PDB file of N, CA and C in Angstrom:
ATOM      1  N   UNK A   1     103.407 -30.695  59.353  1.00  0.00           N
ATOM      2  CA  UNK A   1     102.961 -29.438  59.279  1.00  0.00           C
ATOM      3  C   UNK A   1     102.084 -30.206  60.368  1.00  0.00           C
ATOM      4  N   UNK A   2     101.462 -29.590  61.359  1.00  0.00           N
ATOM      5  CA  UNK A   2     101.061 -29.938  62.692  1.00  0.00           C
ATOM      6  C   UNK A   2      99.405 -29.554  62.272  1.00  0.00           C
ATOM      7  N   UNK A   3      98.092 -29.815  62.535  1.00  0.00           N
ATOM      8  CA  UNK A   3      96.565 -29.721  62.419  1.00  0.00           C
ATOM      9  C   UNK A   3      96.314 -30.148  63.834  1.00  0.00           C
ATOM     10  N   UNK A   4      95.378 -29.165  65.041  1.00  0.00           N
ATOM     11  CA  UNK A   4      94.781 -29.324  66.620  1.00  0.00           C
ATOM     12  C   UNK A   4      93.703 -30.498  65.226  1.00  0.00           C
ATOM     13  N   UNK A   5      92.774 -30.425  65.869  1.00  0.00           N
ATOM     14  CA  UNK A   5      91.215 -30.515  65.288  1.00  0.00           C
ATOM     15  C   UNK A   5      91.054 -30.482  66.938  1.00  0.00           C
ATOM     16  N   UNK A   6      89.576 -30.019  66.773  1.00  0.00           N
ATOM     17  CA  UNK A   6      89.232 -30.288  68.249  1.00  0.00           C
ATOM     18  C   UNK A   6      87.517 -30.471  68.211  1.00  0.00           C
ATOM     19  N   UNK A   7      86.563 -30.806  69.241  1.00  0.00           N
ATOM     20  CA  UNK A   7      85.693 -31.563  69.150  1.00  0.00           C
ATOM     21  C   UNK A   7      84.656 -31.608  70.750  1.00  0.00           C
ATOM     22  N   UNK A   8      83.705 -31.061  70.886  1.00  0.00           N
ATOM     23  CA  UNK A   8      83.003 -31.212  71.856  1.00  0.00           C
ATOM     24  C   UNK A   8      81.578 -32.132  72.511  1.00  0.00           C
ATOM     25  N   UNK A   9      81.245 -33.821  72.438  1.00  0.00           N
ATOM     26  CA  UNK A   9      80.525 -34.057  72.472  1.00  0.00           C
ATOM     27  C   UNK A   9      79.839 -35.397  72.694  1.00  0.00           C
ATOM     28  N   UNK A  10      79.090 -36.212  71.840  1.00  0.00           N
ATOM     29  CA  UNK A  10      79.054 -37.067  71.717  1.00  0.00           C
ATOM     30  C   UNK A  10      79.713 -38.071  70.379  1.00  0.00           C
ATOM     31  N   UNK A  11      79.881 -39.521  70.917  1.00  0.00           N
ATOM     32  CA  UNK A  11      80.850 -40.019  69.723  1.00  0.00           C
ATOM     33  C   UNK A  11      80.581 -39.588  68.128  1.00  0.00           C
ATOM     34  N   UNK A  12      79.449 -38.951  68.039  1.00  0.00           N
ATOM     35  CA  UNK A  12      79.033 -38.596  66.857  1.00  0.00           C
ATOM     36  C   UNK A  12      79.310 -37.076  66.527  1.00  0.00           C
ATOM     37  N   UNK A  13      79.686 -37.151  67.107  1.00  0.00           N
ATOM     38  CA  UNK A  13      81.009 -35.410  67.418  1.00  0.00           C
ATOM     39  C   UNK A  13      82.646 -35.507  66.895  1.00  0.00           C
ATOM     40  N   UNK A  14      83.001 -36.412  67.234  1.00  0.00           N
ATOM     41  CA  UNK A  14      83.891 -37.072  66.941  1.00  0.00           C
ATOM     42  C   UNK A  14      84.484 -38.404  66.928  1.00  0.00           C
ATOM     43  N   UNK A  15      83.850 -38.854  66.267  1.00  0.00           N
ATOM     44  CA  UNK A  15      84.168 -40.150  65.003  1.00  0.00           C
ATOM     45  C   UNK A  15      84.552 -39.108  64.022  1.00  0.00           C
ATOM     46  N   UNK A  16      84.182 -37.909  63.010  1.00  0.00           N
ATOM     47  CA  UNK A  16      83.999 -37.031  61.985  1.00  0.00           C
ATOM     48  C   UNK A  16      85.680 -36.751  61.917  1.00  0.00           C
ATOM     49  N   UNK A  17      85.639 -36.452  63.406  1.00  0.00           N
ATOM     50  CA  UNK A  17      87.135 -36.186  63.462  1.00  0.00           C
ATOM     51  C   UNK A  17      87.942 -36.776  63.620  1.00  0.00           C
ATOM     52  N   UNK A  18      87.584 -37.903  64.307  1.00  0.00           N
ATOM     53  CA  UNK A  18      89.114 -39.283  63.762  1.00  0.00           C
ATOM     54  C   UNK A  18      88.992 -39.314  62.082  1.00  0.00           C
ATOM     55  N   UNK A  19      88.029 -39.882  62.200  1.00  0.00           N
ATOM     56  CA  UNK A  19      89.029 -39.981  60.271  1.00  0.00           C
ATOM     57  C   UNK A  19      88.905 -38.894  59.179  1.00  0.00           C
ATOM     58  N   UNK A  20      88.803 -37.200  59.880  1.00  0.00           N
ATOM     59  CA  UNK A  20      89.367 -35.955  58.941  1.00  0.00           C
ATOM     60  C   UNK A  20      90.780 -36.645  59.247  1.00  0.00           C
ATOM     61  N   UNK A  21      91.399 -36.418  60.827  1.00  0.00           N
ATOM     62  CA  UNK A  21      92.637 -36.877  61.175  1.00  0.00           C
ATOM     63  C   UNK A  21      92.841 -37.891  60.139  1.00  0.00           C
ATOM     64  N   UNK A  22      92.573 -38.680  59.575  1.00  0.00           N
ATOM     65  CA  UNK A  22      93.052 -40.059  59.595  1.00  0.00           C
ATOM     66  C   UNK A  22      93.940 -39.785  58.030  1.00  0.00           C
ATOM     67  N   UNK A  23      93.060 -39.019  57.130  1.00  0.00           N
ATOM     68  CA  UNK A  23      93.023 -38.428  56.300  1.00  0.00           C
ATOM     69  C   UNK A  23      94.193 -37.477  55.908  1.00  0.00           C
ATOM     70  N   UNK A  24      93.886 -36.433  56.942  1.00  0.00           N
ATOM     71  CA  UNK A  24      95.103 -35.640  57.258  1.00  0.00           C
ATOM     72  C   UNK A  24      96.273 -35.896  57.508  1.00  0.00           C
ATOM     73  N   UNK A  25      96.252 -37.083  58.034  1.00  0.00           N
ATOM     74  CA  UNK A  25      97.990 -37.527  58.750  1.00  0.00           C
ATOM     75  C   UNK A  25      97.984 -38.625  57.431  1.00  0.00           C
ATOM     76  N   UNK A  26      97.770 -39.087  56.199  1.00  0.00           N
ATOM     77  CA  UNK A  26      97.157 -39.370  55.098  1.00  0.00           C
ATOM     78  C   UNK A  26      98.327 -38.211  53.825  1.00  0.00           C
ATOM     79  N   UNK A  27      98.256 -37.541  54.552  1.00  0.00           N
ATOM     80  CA  UNK A  27      98.788 -36.188  53.443  1.00  0.00           C
ATOM     81  C   UNK A  27     100.304 -35.479  54.675  1.00  0.00           C
ATOM     82  N   UNK A  28     100.487 -36.635  55.663  1.00  0.00           N
ATOM     83  CA  UNK A  28     102.277 -36.142  55.979  1.00  0.00           C
ATOM     84  C   UNK A  28     101.281 -34.731  57.222  1.00  0.00           C
ATOM     85  N   UNK A  29     100.839 -35.000  57.958  1.00  0.00           N
ATOM     86  CA  UNK A  29     100.282 -34.126  59.354  1.00  0.00           C
ATOM     87  C   UNK A  29     100.533 -34.947  60.394  1.00  0.00           C
ATOM     88  N   UNK A  30     100.398 -34.111  61.538  1.00  0.00           N
ATOM     89  CA  UNK A  30     100.573 -34.477  62.554  1.00  0.00           C
ATOM     90  C   UNK A  30      99.108 -34.307  63.437  1.00  0.00           C
ATOM     91  N   UNK A  31      98.472 -34.689  63.796  1.00  0.00           N
ATOM     92  CA  UNK A  31      96.935 -34.656  63.616  1.00  0.00           C
ATOM     93  C   UNK A  31      96.438 -34.820  65.260  1.00  0.00           C
ATOM     94  N   UNK A  32      96.850 -34.226  66.537  1.00  0.00           N
ATOM     95  CA  UNK A  32      96.555 -34.255  67.503  1.00  0.00           C
ATOM     96  C   UNK A  32      95.096 -34.044  67.646  1.00  0.00           C
ATOM     97  N   UNK A  33      93.822 -34.742  68.307  1.00  0.00           N
ATOM     98  CA  UNK A  33      92.513 -34.138  68.497  1.00  0.00           C
ATOM     99  C   UNK A  33      92.424 -34.322  70.206  1.00  0.00           C
ATOM    100  N   UNK A  34      91.678 -32.811  70.228  1.00  0.00           N
ATOM    101  CA  UNK A  34      91.070 -31.931  71.120  1.00  0.00           C
ATOM    102  C   UNK A  34      89.729 -32.767  71.541  1.00  0.00           C
ATOM    103  N   UNK A  35      89.723 -33.215  72.818  1.00  0.00           N
ATOM    104  CA  UNK A  35      88.505 -34.261  72.855  1.00  0.00           C
ATOM    105  C   UNK A  35      88.700 -34.520  74.360  1.00  0.00           C
ATOM    106  N   UNK A  36      86.626 -34.366  74.838  1.00  0.00           N
ATOM    107  CA  UNK A  36      87.231 -35.786  76.466  1.00  0.00           C
ATOM    108  C   UNK A  36      87.714 -36.816  76.102  1.00  0.00           C
ATOM    109  N   UNK A  37      87.802 -36.710  77.319  1.00  0.00           N
ATOM    110  CA  UNK A  37      88.917 -37.994  77.621  1.00  0.00           C
ATOM    111  C   UNK A  37      87.702 -39.555  77.557  1.00  0.00           C
ATOM    112  N   UNK A  38      86.677 -39.150  76.994  1.00  0.00           N
ATOM    113  CA  UNK A  38      86.015 -41.428  76.377  1.00  0.00           C
ATOM    114  C   UNK A  38      86.334 -41.580  76.047  1.00  0.00           C
ATOM    115  N   UNK A  39      86.996 -41.319  74.326  1.00  0.00           N
ATOM    116  CA  UNK A  39      87.337 -41.021  73.542  1.00  0.00           C
ATOM    117  C   UNK A  39      88.847 -41.681  72.809  1.00  0.00           C
ATOM    118  N   UNK A  40      89.368 -41.832  73.451  1.00  0.00           N
ATOM    119  CA  UNK A  40      91.291 -42.256  74.171  1.00  0.00           C
ATOM    120  C   UNK A  40      90.613 -43.466  73.256  1.00  0.00           C
ATOM    121  N   UNK A  41      90.089 -44.422  73.664  1.00  0.00           N
ATOM    122  CA  UNK A  41      90.397 -45.571  72.835  1.00  0.00           C
ATOM    123  C   UNK A  41      89.985 -45.220  71.119  1.00  0.00           C
ATOM    124  N   UNK A  42      88.809 -44.707  70.760  1.00  0.00           N
ATOM    125  CA  UNK A  42      88.782 -44.492  69.971  1.00  0.00           C
ATOM    126  C   UNK A  42      90.047 -44.076  68.617  1.00  0.00           C
ATOM    127  N   UNK A  43      90.608 -42.664  69.207  1.00  0.00           N
ATOM    128  CA  UNK A  43      91.856 -41.612  68.949  1.00  0.00           C
ATOM    129  C   UNK A  43      92.705 -42.617  68.518  1.00  0.00           C
ATOM    130  N   UNK A  44      92.876 -44.128  69.719  1.00  0.00           N
ATOM    131  CA  UNK A  44      95.053 -44.321  68.899  1.00  0.00           C
ATOM    132  C   UNK A  44      93.860 -45.999  68.678  1.00  0.00           C
ATOM    133  N   UNK A  45      92.949 -46.300  68.192  1.00  0.00           N
ATOM    134  CA  UNK A  45      92.512 -46.915  67.033  1.00  0.00           C
ATOM    135  C   UNK A  45      93.136 -46.701  65.746  1.00  0.00           C
ATOM    136  N   UNK A  46      93.037 -45.165  65.906  1.00  0.00           N
ATOM    137  CA  UNK A  46      92.936 -44.601  64.109  1.00  0.00           C
ATOM    138  C   UNK A  46      94.463 -43.999  64.452  1.00  0.00           C
ATOM    139  N   UNK A  47      94.648 -44.123  65.582  1.00  0.00           N
ATOM    140  CA  UNK A  47      96.251 -43.756  65.596  1.00  0.00           C
ATOM    141  C   UNK A  47      96.801 -41.659  65.753  1.00  0.00           C
ATOM    142  N   UNK A  48      95.112 -41.237  66.354  1.00  0.00           N
ATOM    143  CA  UNK A  48      95.727 -40.051  66.567  1.00  0.00           C
ATOM    144  C   UNK A  48      95.602 -39.772  67.582  1.00  0.00           C
ATOM    145  N   UNK A  49      97.152 -38.604  68.174  1.00  0.00           N
ATOM    146  CA  UNK A  49      97.224 -38.498  69.715  1.00  0.00           C
ATOM    147  C   UNK A  49      95.590 -37.930  70.551  1.00  0.00           C
ATOM    148  N   UNK A  50      95.699 -38.282  71.333  1.00  0.00           N
ATOM    149  CA  UNK A  50      94.678 -37.121  72.135  1.00  0.00           C
ATOM    150  C   UNK A  50      95.108 -36.732  73.445  1.00  0.00           C
ATOM    151  N   UNK A  51      94.654 -34.803  72.786  1.00  0.00           N
ATOM    152  CA  UNK A  51      94.333 -33.874  74.274  1.00  0.00           C
ATOM    153  C   UNK A  51      93.197 -33.600  75.001  1.00  0.00           C
ATOM    154  N   UNK A  52      93.502 -34.661  76.067  1.00  0.00           N
ATOM    155  CA  UNK A  52      92.211 -34.633  76.576  1.00  0.00           C
ATOM    156  C   UNK A  52      91.789 -33.101  77.479  1.00  0.00           C
ATOM    157  N   UNK A  53      90.294 -32.661  76.942  1.00  0.00           N
ATOM    158  CA  UNK A  53      89.534 -31.797  77.175  1.00  0.00           C
ATOM    159  C   UNK A  53      87.925 -31.764  77.978  1.00  0.00           C
ATOM    160  N   UNK A  54      87.916 -30.832  79.309  1.00  0.00           N
ATOM    161  CA  UNK A  54      87.031 -30.963  79.876  1.00  0.00           C
ATOM    162  C   UNK A  54      86.899 -32.448  80.816  1.00  0.00           C
ATOM    163  N   UNK A  55      85.143 -32.942  81.235  1.00  0.00           N
ATOM    164  CA  UNK A  55      84.858 -33.819  81.874  1.00  0.00           C
ATOM    165  C   UNK A  55      84.244 -35.003  81.034  1.00  0.00           C
ATOM    166  N   UNK A  56      84.303 -36.202  81.401  1.00  0.00           N
ATOM    167  CA  UNK A  56      84.044 -37.666  80.656  1.00  0.00           C
ATOM    168  C   UNK A  56      82.851 -37.001  80.195  1.00  0.00           C
ATOM    169  N   UNK A  57      82.478 -37.181  78.801  1.00  0.00           N
ATOM    170  CA  UNK A  57      80.304 -37.423  78.586  1.00  0.00           C
ATOM    171  C   UNK A  57      79.318 -38.058  79.002  1.00  0.00           C
ATOM    172  N   UNK A  58      80.264 -39.322  79.088  1.00  0.00           N
ATOM    173  CA  UNK A  58      79.524 -40.741  79.521  1.00  0.00           C
ATOM    174  C   UNK A  58      78.541 -40.386  81.094  1.00  0.00           C
ATOM    175  N   UNK A  59      79.235 -39.972  81.888  1.00  0.00           N
ATOM    176  CA  UNK A  59      78.525 -39.631  82.859  1.00  0.00           C
ATOM    177  C   UNK A  59      77.373 -38.322  82.680  1.00  0.00           C
ATOM    178  N   UNK A  60      77.357 -37.428  82.090  1.00  0.00           N
ATOM    179  CA  UNK A  60      76.581 -36.659  81.703  1.00  0.00           C
ATOM    180  C   UNK A  60      75.506 -37.460  80.860  1.00  0.00           C
ATOM    181  N   UNK A  61      75.689 -38.418  80.095  1.00  0.00           N
ATOM    182  CA  UNK A  61      74.705 -38.660  79.053  1.00  0.00           C
ATOM    183  C   UNK A  61      74.316 -40.430  80.029  1.00  0.00           C
ATOM    184  N   UNK A  62      75.039 -40.963  80.910  1.00  0.00           N
ATOM    185  CA  UNK A  62      74.004 -41.639  80.726  1.00  0.00           C
ATOM    186  C   UNK A  62      73.785 -41.877  82.954  1.00  0.00           C
ATOM    187  N   UNK A  63      73.868 -40.384  83.024  1.00  0.00           N
ATOM    188  CA  UNK A  63      73.701 -40.513  84.480  1.00  0.00           C
ATOM    189  C   UNK A  63      72.157 -40.589  84.948  1.00  0.00           C
ATOM    190  N   UNK A  64      71.379 -39.656  85.882  1.00  0.00           N
ATOM    191  CA  UNK A  64      71.004 -39.567  86.927  1.00  0.00           C
ATOM    192  C   UNK A  64      70.155 -38.202  85.814  1.00  0.00           C
ATOM    193  N   UNK A  65      69.115 -38.845  85.606  1.00  0.00           N
ATOM    194  CA  UNK A  65      67.876 -37.922  84.746  1.00  0.00           C
ATOM    195  C   UNK A  65      67.927 -36.255  85.613  1.00  0.00           C
ATOM    196  N   UNK A  66      68.318 -35.478  85.278  1.00  0.00           N
ATOM    197  CA  UNK A  66      67.952 -34.401  85.534  1.00  0.00           C
ATOM    198  C   UNK A  66      66.267 -34.102  85.514  1.00  0.00           C
ATOM    199  N   UNK A  67      65.425 -33.082  86.368  1.00  0.00           N
ATOM    200  CA  UNK A  67      63.995 -32.199  85.490  1.00  0.00           C
ATOM    201  C   UNK A  67      64.576 -31.773  84.184  1.00  0.00           C
ATOM    202  N   UNK A  68      62.858 -32.379  83.653  1.00  0.00           N
ATOM    203  CA  UNK A  68      62.688 -32.081  82.683  1.00  0.00           C
ATOM    204  C   UNK A  68      62.953 -30.492  82.389  1.00  0.00           C
ATOM    205  N   UNK A  69      63.975 -29.577  81.792  1.00  0.00           N
ATOM    206  CA  UNK A  69      63.594 -28.363  81.352  1.00  0.00           C
ATOM    207  C   UNK A  69      62.624 -28.057  80.305  1.00  0.00           C
ATOM    208  N   UNK A  70      62.125 -28.852  79.879  1.00  0.00           N
ATOM    209  CA  UNK A  70      60.239 -28.694  78.715  1.00  0.00           C
ATOM    210  C   UNK A  70      59.845 -28.864  78.977  1.00  0.00           C
ATOM    211  N   UNK A  71      58.883 -29.094  80.568  1.00  0.00           N
ATOM    212  CA  UNK A  71      57.949 -29.565  81.149  1.00  0.00           C
ATOM    213  C   UNK A  71      56.882 -28.210  80.765  1.00  0.00           C
ATOM    214  N   UNK A  72      55.986 -28.544  80.023  1.00  0.00           N
ATOM    215  CA  UNK A  72      55.181 -27.724  79.869  1.00  0.00           C
ATOM    216  C   UNK A  72      55.319 -27.260  78.327  1.00  0.00           C
ATOM    217  N   UNK A  73      55.840 -27.255  78.225  1.00  0.00           N
ATOM    218  CA  UNK A  73      56.208 -26.916  76.360  1.00  0.00           C
ATOM    219  C   UNK A  73      55.713 -28.271  75.118  1.00  0.00           C
ATOM    220  N   UNK A  74      55.297 -26.566  73.924  1.00  0.00           N
ATOM    221  CA  UNK A  74      54.794 -27.707  73.235  1.00  0.00           C
ATOM    222  C   UNK A  74      55.803 -27.514  72.517  1.00  0.00           C
ATOM    223  N   UNK A  75      56.642 -27.035  72.659  1.00  0.00           N
ATOM    224  CA  UNK A  75      58.193 -27.711  71.196  1.00  0.00           C
ATOM    225  C   UNK A  75      59.288 -26.872  71.722  1.00  0.00           C
ATOM    226  N   UNK A  76      60.332 -27.957  71.594  1.00  0.00           N
ATOM    227  CA  UNK A  76      61.752 -27.738  72.313  1.00  0.00           C
ATOM    228  C   UNK A  76      63.024 -27.669  70.985  1.00  0.00           C
ATOM    229  N   UNK A  77      63.333 -26.168  71.005  1.00  0.00           N
ATOM    230  CA  UNK A  77      64.507 -26.264  70.018  1.00  0.00           C
ATOM    231  C   UNK A  77      66.290 -26.062  70.997  1.00  0.00           C
ATOM    232  N   UNK A  78      66.676 -26.767  69.971  1.00  0.00           N
ATOM    233  CA  UNK A  78      68.313 -27.080  71.518  1.00  0.00           C
ATOM    234  C   UNK A  78      69.467 -26.933  69.930  1.00  0.00           C
ATOM    235  N   UNK A  79      70.660 -26.291  70.869  1.00  0.00           N
ATOM    236  CA  UNK A  79      72.023 -26.262  69.914  1.00  0.00           C
ATOM    237  C   UNK A  79      72.880 -26.253  71.396  1.00  0.00           C
ATOM    238  N   UNK A  80      74.590 -26.560  70.768  1.00  0.00           N
ATOM    239  CA  UNK A  80      75.362 -26.791  71.559  1.00  0.00           C
ATOM    240  C   UNK A  80      76.097 -27.997  71.618  1.00  0.00           C
ATOM    241  N   UNK A  81      76.679 -27.489  73.007  1.00  0.00           N
ATOM    242  CA  UNK A  81      78.418 -29.072  72.275  1.00  0.00           C
ATOM    243  C   UNK A  81      76.799 -30.112  72.980  1.00  0.00           C
ATOM    244  N   UNK A  82      76.407 -29.844  73.685  1.00  0.00           N
ATOM    245  CA  UNK A  82      74.888 -31.168  74.088  1.00  0.00           C
ATOM    246  C   UNK A  82      73.689 -30.812  74.609  1.00  0.00           C
ATOM    247  N   UNK A  83      73.387 -30.093  73.743  1.00  0.00           N
ATOM    248  CA  UNK A  83      72.275 -29.657  73.820  1.00  0.00           C
ATOM    249  C   UNK A  83      71.362 -30.523  74.792  1.00  0.00           C
ATOM    250  N   UNK A  84      70.306 -29.717  75.500  1.00  0.00           N
ATOM    251  CA  UNK A  84      69.342 -29.965  76.732  1.00  0.00           C
ATOM    252  C   UNK A  84      68.199 -31.699  76.392  1.00  0.00           C
ATOM    253  N   UNK A  85      67.860 -31.435  75.175  1.00  0.00           N
ATOM    254  CA  UNK A  85      67.282 -31.951  74.715  1.00  0.00           C
ATOM    255  C   UNK A  85      67.262 -33.871  74.901  1.00  0.00           C
ATOM    256  N   UNK A  86      68.770 -33.824  75.106  1.00  0.00           N
ATOM    257  CA  UNK A  86      69.775 -35.143  75.628  1.00  0.00           C
ATOM    258  C   UNK A  86      68.946 -35.506  76.717  1.00  0.00           C
ATOM    259  N   UNK A  87      68.598 -34.296  78.064  1.00  0.00           N
ATOM    260  CA  UNK A  87      67.712 -34.701  78.856  1.00  0.00           C
ATOM    261  C   UNK A  87      66.018 -35.086  78.792  1.00  0.00           C
ATOM    262  N   UNK A  88      65.393 -34.872  77.553  1.00  0.00           N
ATOM    263  CA  UNK A  88      63.781 -34.830  77.629  1.00  0.00           C
ATOM    264  C   UNK A  88      63.528 -36.312  77.516  1.00  0.00           C
TER     265      UNK A  88
END
């Protein structure tokens, strides 16, 4: 059986998929993981093939800080692959 796991985001998004890949491999499945290329080393350590997708995440998170979208707001609710709150 071949199972493709896919996630996009930070290490907190990718590491659980890596653990899931390890468990599925123990059951005999072939498990490539589709994720940003930043995580090639992490996936190699657990023996899961990387299917790179999208841009590197690190420059988005650690790069220049864009203007705050929440200026003048009393509260912020964010969701998605890379919530806007990362830059607040």
